[in-house]
């Protein structure tokens, strides 16, 4: 479904990504992990055009996103959940879920409302539909952000450290929604430090360091016997 081919990116003279290649099949859950500053978030933002890149190519269902695929069309198909929720503060929870359905997908107001309420119920927040984001906890806001993304009927979902801004007790409520999505067969690319989540739902793990992909392996193989010394060191520190 998604393929990155020898992708490199620079910010001025600084090379943020170096010759990165990875493929993601439909229905696959791929976790990107590694130390802070390794390029994980930058890489995932390239996939739906939030960042540009200078070398290589990214294909979505065989079509290059650099050569002819319109970004609005791409973003309809690939949802994104950010680290800091990015909800519209001046809109109610339900309005956050309906505005893009109406403006981008052209759905009617009532159909958008029904879809939004159904997804709020799915993430356990239907009773909060008329509140504003500032009235919710961080975990609740992130679940709203996931529901908002699902309102667009995406074919794949990108998660950029969705639990890193949350208090520890709120992390599980967000991970529970993500685990359910994975079990239903949603194609997911997740940047996360939640190794328990990775072990439970990921099909494979991409380990990055210093802008490069150091290792790609099945989840079981990565956690039981990582091939690179750098991954071994990272796992030893993070799992303890």
C-alpha atoms as a PDB file:
ATOM      1  CA  UNK A   1       0.000   0.000   0.000  1.00  0.00           C
ATOM      2  CA  UNK A   2       2.772   2.441   0.970  1.00  0.00           C
ATOM      3  CA  UNK A   3       6.368   2.266  -0.207  1.00  0.00           C
ATOM      4  CA  UNK A   4       9.280   4.567   0.535  1.00  0.00           C
ATOM      5  CA  UNK A   5      12.183   4.245  -1.890  1.00  0.00           C
ATOM      6  CA  UNK A   6      15.597   5.639  -0.943  1.00  0.00           C
ATOM      7  CA  UNK A   7      14.105   8.768   0.592  1.00  0.00           C
ATOM      8  CA  UNK A   8      16.480  11.509   1.756  1.00  0.00           C
ATOM      9  CA  UNK A   9      15.646  14.897   3.253  1.00  0.00           C
ATOM     10  CA  UNK A  10      17.671  17.968   4.206  1.00  0.00           C
ATOM     11  CA  UNK A  11      16.923  21.054   6.291  1.00  0.00           C
ATOM     12  CA  UNK A  12      19.428  23.388   4.745  1.00  0.00           C
ATOM     13  CA  UNK A  13      22.785  21.640   5.136  1.00  0.00           C
ATOM     14  CA  UNK A  14      21.521  19.251   7.810  1.00  0.00           C
ATOM     15  CA  UNK A  15      20.505  15.842   6.472  1.00  0.00           C
ATOM     16  CA  UNK A  16      17.489  14.691   8.483  1.00  0.00           C
ATOM     17  CA  UNK A  17      16.853  11.450   6.548  1.00  0.00           C
ATOM     18  CA  UNK A  18      19.312   9.330   4.640  1.00  0.00           C
ATOM     19  CA  UNK A  19      18.341   6.778   1.986  1.00  0.00           C
ATOM     20  CA  UNK A  20      15.273   5.412   3.825  1.00  0.00           C
ATOM     21  CA  UNK A  21      13.347   2.515   2.276  1.00  0.00           C
ATOM     22  CA  UNK A  22      10.411   0.622   3.771  1.00  0.00           C
ATOM     23  CA  UNK A  23       7.199  -0.943   2.470  1.00  0.00           C
ATOM     24  CA  UNK A  24       3.871  -1.336   4.254  1.00  0.00           C
ATOM     25  CA  UNK A  25       1.265  -3.841   3.076  1.00  0.00           C
ATOM     26  CA  UNK A  26      -2.474  -3.295   3.373  1.00  0.00           C
ATOM     27  CA  UNK A  27      -3.652  -4.184   6.867  1.00  0.00           C
ATOM     28  CA  UNK A  28      -0.143  -4.152   8.270  1.00  0.00           C
ATOM     29  CA  UNK A  29       0.781  -2.387  11.519  1.00  0.00           C
ATOM     30  CA  UNK A  30       4.304  -0.965  11.463  1.00  0.00           C
ATOM     31  CA  UNK A  31       5.938   0.685  14.473  1.00  0.00           C
ATOM     32  CA  UNK A  32       8.788   3.164  14.000  1.00  0.00           C
ATOM     33  CA  UNK A  33      11.026   3.431  17.048  1.00  0.00           C
ATOM     34  CA  UNK A  34      14.428   4.778  17.974  1.00  0.00           C
ATOM     35  CA  UNK A  35      16.010   7.556  20.025  1.00  0.00           C
ATOM     36  CA  UNK A  36      14.724  11.121  19.949  1.00  0.00           C
ATOM     37  CA  UNK A  37      15.963  13.013  16.912  1.00  0.00           C
ATOM     38  CA  UNK A  38      16.399   9.884  14.811  1.00  0.00           C
ATOM     39  CA  UNK A  39      14.010  11.114  12.078  1.00  0.00           C
ATOM     40  CA  UNK A  40      10.940   8.996  12.882  1.00  0.00           C
ATOM     41  CA  UNK A  41       8.411  11.842  12.968  1.00  0.00           C
ATOM     42  CA  UNK A  42       9.948  13.521   9.936  1.00  0.00           C
ATOM     43  CA  UNK A  43       9.699  10.289   7.959  1.00  0.00           C
ATOM     44  CA  UNK A  44       6.066   9.681   8.801  1.00  0.00           C
ATOM     45  CA  UNK A  45       5.087  13.266   7.926  1.00  0.00           C
ATOM     46  CA  UNK A  46       6.474  12.790   4.416  1.00  0.00           C
ATOM     47  CA  UNK A  47       3.883  10.136   3.684  1.00  0.00           C
ATOM     48  CA  UNK A  48       0.931  12.505   3.509  1.00  0.00           C
ATOM     49  CA  UNK A  49       2.879  15.523   2.336  1.00  0.00           C
ATOM     50  CA  UNK A  50       3.270  17.452   5.589  1.00  0.00           C
ATOM     51  CA  UNK A  51       7.000  17.595   4.869  1.00  0.00           C
ATOM     52  CA  UNK A  52       8.781  17.594   1.514  1.00  0.00           C
ATOM     53  CA  UNK A  53      11.839  15.557   0.593  1.00  0.00           C
ATOM     54  CA  UNK A  54      14.619  16.054  -1.896  1.00  0.00           C
ATOM     55  CA  UNK A  55      15.593  12.550  -3.055  1.00  0.00           C
ATOM     56  CA  UNK A  56      13.839   9.243  -3.589  1.00  0.00           C
ATOM     57  CA  UNK A  57      10.129   8.592  -3.943  1.00  0.00           C
ATOM     58  CA  UNK A  58       7.053   7.586  -1.951  1.00  0.00           C
ATOM     59  CA  UNK A  59       4.379   5.455  -3.591  1.00  0.00           C
ATOM     60  CA  UNK A  60       0.794   5.077  -2.452  1.00  0.00           C
ATOM     61  CA  UNK A  61      -0.834   2.050  -4.084  1.00  0.00           C
ATOM     62  CA  UNK A  62       1.833   2.200  -6.761  1.00  0.00           C
ATOM     63  CA  UNK A  63       1.336   5.890  -7.543  1.00  0.00           C
ATOM     64  CA  UNK A  64       4.083   8.398  -6.818  1.00  0.00           C
ATOM     65  CA  UNK A  65       2.960  11.148  -4.450  1.00  0.00           C
ATOM     66  CA  UNK A  66       5.554  13.449  -6.034  1.00  0.00           C
ATOM     67  CA  UNK A  67       4.431  12.910  -9.602  1.00  0.00           C
ATOM     68  CA  UNK A  68       0.790  13.675 -10.079  1.00  0.00           C
ATOM     69  CA  UNK A  69      -1.036  12.714  -6.878  1.00  0.00           C
ATOM     70  CA  UNK A  70      -2.823  15.723  -5.403  1.00  0.00           C
ATOM     71  CA  UNK A  71      -2.149  16.226  -1.690  1.00  0.00           C
ATOM     72  CA  UNK A  72      -5.838  16.777  -0.785  1.00  0.00           C
ATOM     73  CA  UNK A  73      -6.668  13.407  -2.383  1.00  0.00           C
ATOM     74  CA  UNK A  74      -3.785  11.743  -0.554  1.00  0.00           C
ATOM     75  CA  UNK A  75      -4.833  13.181   2.807  1.00  0.00           C
ATOM     76  CA  UNK A  76      -8.390  11.938   2.356  1.00  0.00           C
ATOM     77  CA  UNK A  77      -6.988   8.410   2.174  1.00  0.00           C
ATOM     78  CA  UNK A  78      -4.274   8.639   4.827  1.00  0.00           C
ATOM     79  CA  UNK A  79      -5.353   9.962   8.222  1.00  0.00           C
ATOM     80  CA  UNK A  80      -2.947  11.520  10.705  1.00  0.00           C
ATOM     81  CA  UNK A  81      -3.016  11.739  14.493  1.00  0.00           C
ATOM     82  CA  UNK A  82      -0.526  14.171  16.017  1.00  0.00           C
ATOM     83  CA  UNK A  83       1.361  14.313  19.280  1.00  0.00           C
ATOM     84  CA  UNK A  84      -0.500  17.416  20.512  1.00  0.00           C
ATOM     85  CA  UNK A  85      -4.038  16.603  19.290  1.00  0.00           C
ATOM     86  CA  UNK A  86      -4.353  19.694  16.997  1.00  0.00           C
ATOM     87  CA  UNK A  87      -8.088  20.064  17.627  1.00  0.00           C
ATOM     88  CA  UNK A  88      -9.819  23.342  16.741  1.00  0.00           C
ATOM     89  CA  UNK A  89     -10.225  25.019  20.160  1.00  0.00           C
ATOM     90  CA  UNK A  90     -13.124  27.261  19.094  1.00  0.00           C
ATOM     91  CA  UNK A  91     -15.239  24.335  17.840  1.00  0.00           C
ATOM     92  CA  UNK A  92     -17.108  21.773  19.915  1.00  0.00           C
ATOM     93  CA  UNK A  93     -15.970  18.164  19.921  1.00  0.00           C
ATOM     94  CA  UNK A  94     -18.699  17.222  17.443  1.00  0.00           C
ATOM     95  CA  UNK A  95     -17.937  20.208  15.199  1.00  0.00           C
ATOM     96  CA  UNK A  96     -14.290  19.100  15.113  1.00  0.00           C
ATOM     97  CA  UNK A  97     -15.552  15.827  13.628  1.00  0.00           C
ATOM     98  CA  UNK A  98     -18.059  17.268  11.142  1.00  0.00           C
ATOM     99  CA  UNK A  99     -16.240  20.241   9.589  1.00  0.00           C
ATOM    100  CA  UNK A 100     -13.863  18.262   7.344  1.00  0.00           C
ATOM    101  CA  UNK A 101     -16.588  15.807   6.361  1.00  0.00           C
ATOM    102  CA  UNK A 102     -18.687  18.708   5.085  1.00  0.00           C
ATOM    103  CA  UNK A 103     -15.929  20.901   3.619  1.00  0.00           C
ATOM    104  CA  UNK A 104     -13.650  18.207   2.149  1.00  0.00           C
ATOM    105  CA  UNK A 105     -15.857  15.182   1.496  1.00  0.00           C
ATOM    106  CA  UNK A 106     -19.006  17.162   0.689  1.00  0.00           C
ATOM    107  CA  UNK A 107     -21.207  15.228   3.105  1.00  0.00           C
ATOM    108  CA  UNK A 108     -24.466  16.720   4.288  1.00  0.00           C
ATOM    109  CA  UNK A 109     -24.706  18.164   7.781  1.00  0.00           C
ATOM    110  CA  UNK A 110     -26.954  15.415   9.150  1.00  0.00           C
ATOM    111  CA  UNK A 111     -24.893  12.568   7.675  1.00  0.00           C
ATOM    112  CA  UNK A 112     -21.703  14.155   9.038  1.00  0.00           C
ATOM    113  CA  UNK A 113     -23.296  14.547  12.452  1.00  0.00           C
ATOM    114  CA  UNK A 114     -24.432  10.910  12.543  1.00  0.00           C
ATOM    115  CA  UNK A 115     -20.978   9.712  11.503  1.00  0.00           C
ATOM    116  CA  UNK A 116     -19.310  11.911  14.109  1.00  0.00           C
ATOM    117  CA  UNK A 117     -21.591  10.757  16.932  1.00  0.00           C
ATOM    118  CA  UNK A 118     -21.106   7.102  15.977  1.00  0.00           C
ATOM    119  CA  UNK A 119     -17.337   7.468  16.141  1.00  0.00           C
ATOM    120  CA  UNK A 120     -17.473   9.400  19.402  1.00  0.00           C
ATOM    121  CA  UNK A 121     -19.478   6.532  20.831  1.00  0.00           C
ATOM    122  CA  UNK A 122     -16.859   4.126  19.544  1.00  0.00           C
ATOM    123  CA  UNK A 123     -14.083   5.932  21.439  1.00  0.00           C
ATOM    124  CA  UNK A 124     -16.281   6.318  24.530  1.00  0.00           C
ATOM    125  CA  UNK A 125     -16.893  10.066  24.279  1.00  0.00           C
ATOM    126  CA  UNK A 126     -20.403  10.527  22.875  1.00  0.00           C
ATOM    127  CA  UNK A 127     -21.537  12.193  26.115  1.00  0.00           C
ATOM    128  CA  UNK A 128     -18.876  14.901  25.562  1.00  0.00           C
ATOM    129  CA  UNK A 129     -19.956  15.799  22.002  1.00  0.00           C
ATOM    130  CA  UNK A 130     -20.981  19.370  22.838  1.00  0.00           C
ATOM    131  CA  UNK A 131     -18.002  20.203  25.048  1.00  0.00           C
ATOM    132  CA  UNK A 132     -14.966  22.116  23.837  1.00  0.00           C
ATOM    133  CA  UNK A 133     -11.469  20.570  23.671  1.00  0.00           C
ATOM    134  CA  UNK A 134     -10.275  22.634  26.656  1.00  0.00           C
ATOM    135  CA  UNK A 135     -12.916  20.918  28.801  1.00  0.00           C
ATOM    136  CA  UNK A 136     -11.459  17.457  28.123  1.00  0.00           C
ATOM    137  CA  UNK A 137      -8.430  15.643  29.497  1.00  0.00           C
ATOM    138  CA  UNK A 138      -5.446  15.000  27.258  1.00  0.00           C
ATOM    139  CA  UNK A 139      -6.433  11.363  26.783  1.00  0.00           C
ATOM    140  CA  UNK A 140      -9.952  12.365  25.828  1.00  0.00           C
ATOM    141  CA  UNK A 141      -8.678  14.966  23.353  1.00  0.00           C
ATOM    142  CA  UNK A 142      -6.441  12.389  21.687  1.00  0.00           C
ATOM    143  CA  UNK A 143      -9.360   9.964  21.347  1.00  0.00           C
ATOM    144  CA  UNK A 144     -11.365  12.795  19.729  1.00  0.00           C
ATOM    145  CA  UNK A 145      -8.443  13.340  17.337  1.00  0.00           C
ATOM    146  CA  UNK A 146      -8.520   9.642  16.386  1.00  0.00           C
ATOM    147  CA  UNK A 147     -12.291   9.780  15.866  1.00  0.00           C
ATOM    148  CA  UNK A 148     -11.895  12.911  13.731  1.00  0.00           C
ATOM    149  CA  UNK A 149      -9.408  11.120  11.507  1.00  0.00           C
ATOM    150  CA  UNK A 150     -11.686   8.083  11.189  1.00  0.00           C
ATOM    151  CA  UNK A 151     -14.562  10.328  10.085  1.00  0.00           C
ATOM    152  CA  UNK A 152     -12.777  10.713   6.746  1.00  0.00           C
ATOM    153  CA  UNK A 153     -12.910   6.931   6.092  1.00  0.00           C
ATOM    154  CA  UNK A 154      -9.113   6.640   5.701  1.00  0.00           C
ATOM    155  CA  UNK A 155      -7.462   3.616   4.141  1.00  0.00           C
ATOM    156  CA  UNK A 156      -4.400   4.030   6.350  1.00  0.00           C
ATOM    157  CA  UNK A 157      -3.566   5.909   9.550  1.00  0.00           C
ATOM    158  CA  UNK A 158      -0.366   7.649  10.660  1.00  0.00           C
ATOM    159  CA  UNK A 159       0.276   8.147  14.377  1.00  0.00           C
ATOM    160  CA  UNK A 160       3.059  10.520  15.429  1.00  0.00           C
ATOM    161  CA  UNK A 161       3.859   9.736  19.078  1.00  0.00           C
ATOM    162  CA  UNK A 162       0.159   9.899  20.024  1.00  0.00           C
ATOM    163  CA  UNK A 163       0.740   9.221  23.732  1.00  0.00           C
ATOM    164  CA  UNK A 164       3.919  11.201  24.438  1.00  0.00           C
ATOM    165  CA  UNK A 165       2.038  14.335  25.592  1.00  0.00           C
ATOM    166  CA  UNK A 166      -0.241  12.396  27.954  1.00  0.00           C
ATOM    167  CA  UNK A 167      -0.104  11.685  31.662  1.00  0.00           C
ATOM    168  CA  UNK A 168       0.728   8.025  32.324  1.00  0.00           C
ATOM    169  CA  UNK A 169      -2.783   7.106  33.447  1.00  0.00           C
ATOM    170  CA  UNK A 170      -4.268   8.462  30.214  1.00  0.00           C
ATOM    171  CA  UNK A 171      -1.994   6.513  27.874  1.00  0.00           C
ATOM    172  CA  UNK A 172      -3.878   3.223  28.097  1.00  0.00           C
ATOM    173  CA  UNK A 173      -7.207   4.702  27.045  1.00  0.00           C
ATOM    174  CA  UNK A 174      -5.626   5.950  23.796  1.00  0.00           C
ATOM    175  CA  UNK A 175      -3.686   2.748  23.190  1.00  0.00           C
ATOM    176  CA  UNK A 176      -6.888   0.726  23.666  1.00  0.00           C
ATOM    177  CA  UNK A 177      -8.494   2.554  20.726  1.00  0.00           C
ATOM    178  CA  UNK A 178      -5.388   2.026  18.587  1.00  0.00           C
ATOM    179  CA  UNK A 179      -5.248  -1.682  19.462  1.00  0.00           C
ATOM    180  CA  UNK A 180      -8.890  -2.053  18.436  1.00  0.00           C
ATOM    181  CA  UNK A 181      -8.167  -0.358  15.105  1.00  0.00           C
ATOM    182  CA  UNK A 182      -5.218  -2.661  14.499  1.00  0.00           C
ATOM    183  CA  UNK A 183      -7.286  -5.733  15.291  1.00  0.00           C
ATOM    184  CA  UNK A 184      -9.915  -4.584  12.787  1.00  0.00           C
ATOM    185  CA  UNK A 185      -7.296  -4.538  10.026  1.00  0.00           C
ATOM    186  CA  UNK A 186      -6.531  -0.824   9.679  1.00  0.00           C
ATOM    187  CA  UNK A 187      -3.193  -0.146   7.989  1.00  0.00           C
ATOM    188  CA  UNK A 188      -1.220   1.767  10.619  1.00  0.00           C
ATOM    189  CA  UNK A 189       2.191   3.423  10.784  1.00  0.00           C
ATOM    190  CA  UNK A 190       2.996   4.423  14.354  1.00  0.00           C
ATOM    191  CA  UNK A 191       5.876   6.431  15.774  1.00  0.00           C
ATOM    192  CA  UNK A 192       5.912   5.465  19.444  1.00  0.00           C
ATOM    193  CA  UNK A 193       8.023   4.647  22.473  1.00  0.00           C
ATOM    194  CA  UNK A 194       5.275   2.377  23.826  1.00  0.00           C
ATOM    195  CA  UNK A 195       7.065  -0.921  23.427  1.00  0.00           C
ATOM    196  CA  UNK A 196       4.240  -2.885  25.051  1.00  0.00           C
ATOM    197  CA  UNK A 197       1.887  -1.618  22.351  1.00  0.00           C
ATOM    198  CA  UNK A 198       4.448  -2.455  19.671  1.00  0.00           C
ATOM    199  CA  UNK A 199       4.837  -6.001  20.950  1.00  0.00           C
ATOM    200  CA  UNK A 200       1.089  -6.509  21.110  1.00  0.00           C
ATOM    201  CA  UNK A 201      -0.069  -5.258  17.718  1.00  0.00           C
ATOM    202  CA  UNK A 202       2.847  -4.497  15.363  1.00  0.00           C
ATOM    203  CA  UNK A 203       3.571  -6.808  12.455  1.00  0.00           C
ATOM    204  CA  UNK A 204       7.040  -5.352  12.071  1.00  0.00           C
ATOM    205  CA  UNK A 205       9.315  -2.801  13.656  1.00  0.00           C
ATOM    206  CA  UNK A 206      11.427  -0.171  11.903  1.00  0.00           C
ATOM    207  CA  UNK A 207      14.328   0.968  14.088  1.00  0.00           C
ATOM    208  CA  UNK A 208      15.880   4.329  13.194  1.00  0.00           C
ATOM    209  CA  UNK A 209      18.934   6.222  14.356  1.00  0.00           C
ATOM    210  CA  UNK A 210      20.542   9.456  13.117  1.00  0.00           C
ATOM    211  CA  UNK A 211      18.191   9.773  10.135  1.00  0.00           C
ATOM    212  CA  UNK A 212      18.745   6.249   8.836  1.00  0.00           C
ATOM    213  CA  UNK A 213      16.773   3.023   9.013  1.00  0.00           C
ATOM    214  CA  UNK A 214      19.107   0.717  10.914  1.00  0.00           C
ATOM    215  CA  UNK A 215      16.904  -2.355  11.083  1.00  0.00           C
ATOM    216  CA  UNK A 216      13.537  -3.675   9.851  1.00  0.00           C
ATOM    217  CA  UNK A 217      12.306  -6.934  11.293  1.00  0.00           C
ATOM    218  CA  UNK A 218       9.250  -8.805  12.477  1.00  0.00           C
ATOM    219  CA  UNK A 219       8.117  -7.754  15.938  1.00  0.00           C
ATOM    220  CA  UNK A 220       9.023 -11.093  17.480  1.00  0.00           C
ATOM    221  CA  UNK A 221      12.498 -11.114  15.956  1.00  0.00           C
ATOM    222  CA  UNK A 222      13.186  -7.494  16.863  1.00  0.00           C
ATOM    223  CA  UNK A 223      12.331  -7.910  20.532  1.00  0.00           C
ATOM    224  CA  UNK A 224      13.893 -11.341  20.967  1.00  0.00           C
ATOM    225  CA  UNK A 225      17.110 -10.877  18.978  1.00  0.00           C
ATOM    226  CA  UNK A 226      17.719  -7.445  17.418  1.00  0.00           C
ATOM    227  CA  UNK A 227      20.406  -7.690  14.758  1.00  0.00           C
ATOM    228  CA  UNK A 228      22.183  -4.363  15.223  1.00  0.00           C
ATOM    229  CA  UNK A 229      24.213  -3.378  18.248  1.00  0.00           C
ATOM    230  CA  UNK A 230      22.485   0.017  18.253  1.00  0.00           C
ATOM    231  CA  UNK A 231      19.031  -1.588  18.509  1.00  0.00           C
ATOM    232  CA  UNK A 232      20.241  -3.924  21.245  1.00  0.00           C
ATOM    233  CA  UNK A 233      21.480  -0.949  23.261  1.00  0.00           C
ATOM    234  CA  UNK A 234      18.236   0.995  22.682  1.00  0.00           C
ATOM    235  CA  UNK A 235      16.028  -1.914  23.753  1.00  0.00           C
ATOM    236  CA  UNK A 236      18.111  -2.617  26.828  1.00  0.00           C
ATOM    237  CA  UNK A 237      17.656   0.970  27.984  1.00  0.00           C
ATOM    238  CA  UNK A 238      13.989   1.439  27.092  1.00  0.00           C
ATOM    239  CA  UNK A 239      12.721  -1.926  28.344  1.00  0.00           C
ATOM    240  CA  UNK A 240      14.388  -1.480  31.720  1.00  0.00           C
END
